[in-house]
Structure formats: structure tokens, C-alpha cells
Amino acid sequence: MGRQAGIDTANSEIFFMRAPARRLDHDYAVWGRVVQGLDVVRAIKVGEPPAAPDLMLKVRLAADLPPADRPRVEVLNERGGEFRARLARIKASRGASFSVCDTPIPFRLR
């Protein structure tokens, strides 16, 4: 979630990260992951701001789609034993440089 320098200034700015950006760790909220439609994200113009920015002409929330049209995503329970074991392995391999950003939550499209 984008914002100005103040920690309470976020309102409507969204960043789609195409690569790790460690300088943002611990300062910005990560609230999603693209699991379908990555080709669309990669086609969005880049820059701050882009010379000719893309416009969102139509936006829909998955929750607003009819149930039959919603993407079906199964996510590994981050409170379960399998995830905790994965997390322990990542922490052990990364050591002091470990960050929560190094911890992808496994999923599959159904």
C-alpha cells in the first residue's frame, strides 16, 4: 500500500512489485499476491509516474462476482504444521537476513 513519508498517509495508492525491494520491508503493508492474471500486471506501464499511465476503466472484486465465476484458490494454512515447518527451514537457511517477505505462502488454483 503506497503512502507519503508519514506512516498514516496511505489512502488509495497501490504498488505492484515486480521484484524484491528490500528498502520497503517493514515500512509498507503487503496485502495481496497475484495468483492469476500476472500477464496483466506485467503489461502495466512502469515509472513514477509513467509518461502515459494506464487507466483502470473497470474494476471488480472477486467477492462481487457470481460464485461460479470467482477464481478458486486453495491456500496453505499459515497456522498449520506444514507451514511452520517450511518457515523454520527458511529461517534456518536465511539466518540473520531472514524477512517475512522471504516466506511465500503456497497456493494452488482449482
C-alpha atoms as a PDB file:
ATOM      1  CA  MET A   1       0.000   0.000   0.000  1.00  0.00           C
ATOM      2  CA  GLY A   2       1.566   3.254  -1.068  1.00  0.00           C
ATOM      3  CA  ARG A   3       1.792   6.334   1.115  1.00  0.00           C
ATOM      4  CA  GLN A   4       3.747   9.507   1.715  1.00  0.00           C
ATOM      5  CA  ALA A   5       6.522   9.771   4.329  1.00  0.00           C
ATOM      6  CA  GLY A   6       4.090   9.736   7.279  1.00  0.00           C
ATOM      7  CA  ILE A   7       3.019   6.254   8.373  1.00  0.00           C
ATOM      8  CA  ASP A   8      -0.666   7.243   8.493  1.00  0.00           C
ATOM      9  CA  THR A   9      -0.908   8.766   4.998  1.00  0.00           C
ATOM     10  CA  ALA A  10      -1.959   5.741   2.889  1.00  0.00           C
ATOM     11  CA  ASN A  11      -5.284   6.043   1.105  1.00  0.00           C
ATOM     12  CA  SER A  12      -5.576   4.797  -2.467  1.00  0.00           C
ATOM     13  CA  GLU A  13      -2.130   4.190  -3.910  1.00  0.00           C
ATOM     14  CA  ILE A  14      -1.223   0.593  -4.793  1.00  0.00           C
ATOM     15  CA  PHE A  15       2.170  -0.769  -5.776  1.00  0.00           C
ATOM     16  CA  PHE A  16       2.505  -3.922  -7.852  1.00  0.00           C
ATOM     17  CA  MET A  17       6.001  -5.143  -7.082  1.00  0.00           C
ATOM     18  CA  ARG A  18       7.686  -6.991  -9.944  1.00  0.00           C
ATOM     19  CA  ALA A  19      10.834  -7.810  -7.991  1.00  0.00           C
ATOM     20  CA  PRO A  20      12.002  -7.726  -4.370  1.00  0.00           C
ATOM     21  CA  ALA A  21      12.528  -4.220  -2.983  1.00  0.00           C
ATOM     22  CA  ARG A  22      14.134  -4.670   0.439  1.00  0.00           C
ATOM     23  CA  ARG A  23      14.126  -0.928   1.066  1.00  0.00           C
ATOM     24  CA  LEU A  24      10.356  -1.185   1.519  1.00  0.00           C
ATOM     25  CA  ASP A  25      10.426  -4.017   4.086  1.00  0.00           C
ATOM     26  CA  HIS A  26       8.886  -3.109   7.453  1.00  0.00           C
ATOM     27  CA  ASP A  27       7.544   0.215   6.129  1.00  0.00           C
ATOM     28  CA  TYR A  28       4.710  -0.817   3.806  1.00  0.00           C
ATOM     29  CA  ALA A  29       1.800  -3.219   4.143  1.00  0.00           C
ATOM     30  CA  VAL A  30       1.726  -6.205   1.828  1.00  0.00           C
ATOM     31  CA  TRP A  31      -1.874  -7.224   1.461  1.00  0.00           C
ATOM     32  CA  GLY A  32      -2.038  -9.413  -1.602  1.00  0.00           C
ATOM     33  CA  ARG A  33      -0.334 -11.574  -4.155  1.00  0.00           C
ATOM     34  CA  VAL A  34      -1.191 -12.010  -7.805  1.00  0.00           C
ATOM     35  CA  VAL A  35      -2.121 -15.654  -8.326  1.00  0.00           C
ATOM     36  CA  GLN A  36      -3.935 -15.274 -11.622  1.00  0.00           C
ATOM     37  CA  GLY A  37      -3.519 -12.638 -14.331  1.00  0.00           C
ATOM     38  CA  LEU A  38       0.182 -11.943 -13.812  1.00  0.00           C
ATOM     39  CA  ASP A  39       0.422 -11.211 -17.542  1.00  0.00           C
ATOM     40  CA  VAL A  40      -1.880  -8.241 -16.963  1.00  0.00           C
ATOM     41  CA  VAL A  41       0.273  -6.910 -14.097  1.00  0.00           C
ATOM     42  CA  ARG A  42       3.409  -7.254 -16.235  1.00  0.00           C
ATOM     43  CA  ALA A  43       1.725  -5.241 -19.009  1.00  0.00           C
ATOM     44  CA  ILE A  44       1.077  -2.222 -16.734  1.00  0.00           C
ATOM     45  CA  LYS A  45       3.295   0.735 -17.571  1.00  0.00           C
ATOM     46  CA  VAL A  46       6.093   1.465 -15.114  1.00  0.00           C
ATOM     47  CA  GLY A  47       7.537   4.716 -13.799  1.00  0.00           C
ATOM     48  CA  GLU A  48       6.918   7.286 -11.095  1.00  0.00           C
ATOM     49  CA  PRO A  49       4.620   8.335 -12.682  1.00  0.00           C
ATOM     50  CA  PRO A  50       4.643   6.733 -16.150  1.00  0.00           C
ATOM     51  CA  ALA A  51       4.602   9.201 -19.026  1.00  0.00           C
ATOM     52  CA  ALA A  52       1.243   7.817 -20.181  1.00  0.00           C
ATOM     53  CA  PRO A  53      -0.225   5.907 -17.224  1.00  0.00           C
ATOM     54  CA  ASP A  54      -2.705   3.094 -17.707  1.00  0.00           C
ATOM     55  CA  LEU A  55      -6.268   3.780 -16.586  1.00  0.00           C
ATOM     56  CA  MET A  56      -8.484   1.395 -14.649  1.00  0.00           C
ATOM     57  CA  LEU A  57     -11.686   1.536 -16.665  1.00  0.00           C
ATOM     58  CA  LYS A  58     -13.425  -1.309 -14.886  1.00  0.00           C
ATOM     59  CA  VAL A  59     -12.573  -2.894 -11.546  1.00  0.00           C
ATOM     60  CA  ARG A  60     -14.432  -5.728  -9.868  1.00  0.00           C
ATOM     61  CA  LEU A  61     -13.827  -7.510  -6.601  1.00  0.00           C
ATOM     62  CA  ALA A  62     -13.828 -11.285  -6.668  1.00  0.00           C
ATOM     63  CA  ALA A  63     -16.391 -11.190  -3.845  1.00  0.00           C
ATOM     64  CA  ASP A  64     -18.768  -9.302  -6.152  1.00  0.00           C
ATOM     65  CA  LEU A  65     -18.587 -11.930  -8.902  1.00  0.00           C
ATOM     66  CA  PRO A  66     -21.234 -14.648  -9.077  1.00  0.00           C
ATOM     67  CA  PRO A  67     -19.911 -17.643  -7.111  1.00  0.00           C
ATOM     68  CA  ALA A  68     -19.456 -19.741 -10.276  1.00  0.00           C
ATOM     69  CA  ASP A  69     -17.210 -17.028 -11.821  1.00  0.00           C
ATOM     70  CA  ARG A  70     -14.924 -16.493  -8.819  1.00  0.00           C
ATOM     71  CA  PRO A  71     -11.352 -17.774  -9.026  1.00  0.00           C
ATOM     72  CA  ARG A  72     -10.888 -20.819  -6.819  1.00  0.00           C
ATOM     73  CA  VAL A  73      -7.677 -20.583  -4.851  1.00  0.00           C
ATOM     74  CA  GLU A  74      -6.567 -23.013  -2.162  1.00  0.00           C
ATOM     75  CA  VAL A  75      -4.008 -21.573   0.272  1.00  0.00           C
ATOM     76  CA  LEU A  76      -1.825 -23.440   2.743  1.00  0.00           C
ATOM     77  CA  ASN A  77      -2.941 -22.677   6.304  1.00  0.00           C
ATOM     78  CA  GLU A  78      -0.229 -20.382   7.706  1.00  0.00           C
ATOM     79  CA  ARG A  79      -1.078 -21.553  11.233  1.00  0.00           C
ATOM     80  CA  GLY A  80      -0.677 -25.246  10.424  1.00  0.00           C
ATOM     81  CA  GLY A  81       2.247 -27.591  10.975  1.00  0.00           C
ATOM     82  CA  GLU A  82       3.283 -27.827   7.317  1.00  0.00           C
ATOM     83  CA  PHE A  83       3.640 -24.062   7.027  1.00  0.00           C
ATOM     84  CA  ARG A  84       5.501 -23.822  10.350  1.00  0.00           C
ATOM     85  CA  ALA A  85       7.978 -26.451   9.109  1.00  0.00           C
ATOM     86  CA  ARG A  86       8.510 -24.512   5.850  1.00  0.00           C
ATOM     87  CA  LEU A  87       9.008 -21.316   7.841  1.00  0.00           C
ATOM     88  CA  ALA A  88      11.580 -22.960  10.114  1.00  0.00           C
ATOM     89  CA  ARG A  89      13.559 -24.186   7.075  1.00  0.00           C
ATOM     90  CA  ILE A  90      13.558 -20.715   5.503  1.00  0.00           C
ATOM     91  CA  LYS A  91      14.607 -19.060   8.784  1.00  0.00           C
ATOM     92  CA  ALA A  92      17.433 -21.574   9.200  1.00  0.00           C
ATOM     93  CA  SER A  93      18.722 -21.042   5.663  1.00  0.00           C
ATOM     94  CA  ARG A  94      18.453 -17.217   5.730  1.00  0.00           C
ATOM     95  CA  GLY A  95      19.792 -16.667   9.236  1.00  0.00           C
ATOM     96  CA  ALA A  96      20.015 -13.049  10.356  1.00  0.00           C
ATOM     97  CA  SER A  97      18.893 -11.789   6.944  1.00  0.00           C
ATOM     98  CA  PHE A  98      15.500 -13.527   7.286  1.00  0.00           C
ATOM     99  CA  SER A  99      12.458 -11.406   6.496  1.00  0.00           C
ATOM    100  CA  VAL A 100       8.786 -12.285   6.424  1.00  0.00           C
ATOM    101  CA  CYS A 101       8.999 -11.324   2.742  1.00  0.00           C
ATOM    102  CA  ASP A 102      11.113 -14.469   2.225  1.00  0.00           C
ATOM    103  CA  THR A 103       8.113 -16.589   3.180  1.00  0.00           C
ATOM    104  CA  PRO A 104       5.776 -17.293   0.272  1.00  0.00           C
ATOM    105  CA  ILE A 105       2.504 -18.885   1.281  1.00  0.00           C
ATOM    106  CA  PRO A 106       1.897 -21.854  -1.039  1.00  0.00           C
ATOM    107  CA  PHE A 107      -1.330 -21.911  -3.027  1.00  0.00           C
ATOM    108  CA  ARG A 108      -2.917 -23.663  -5.959  1.00  0.00           C
ATOM    109  CA  LEU A 109      -5.654 -22.697  -8.374  1.00  0.00           C
ATOM    110  CA  ARG A 110      -8.516 -25.156  -8.508  1.00  0.00           C
END
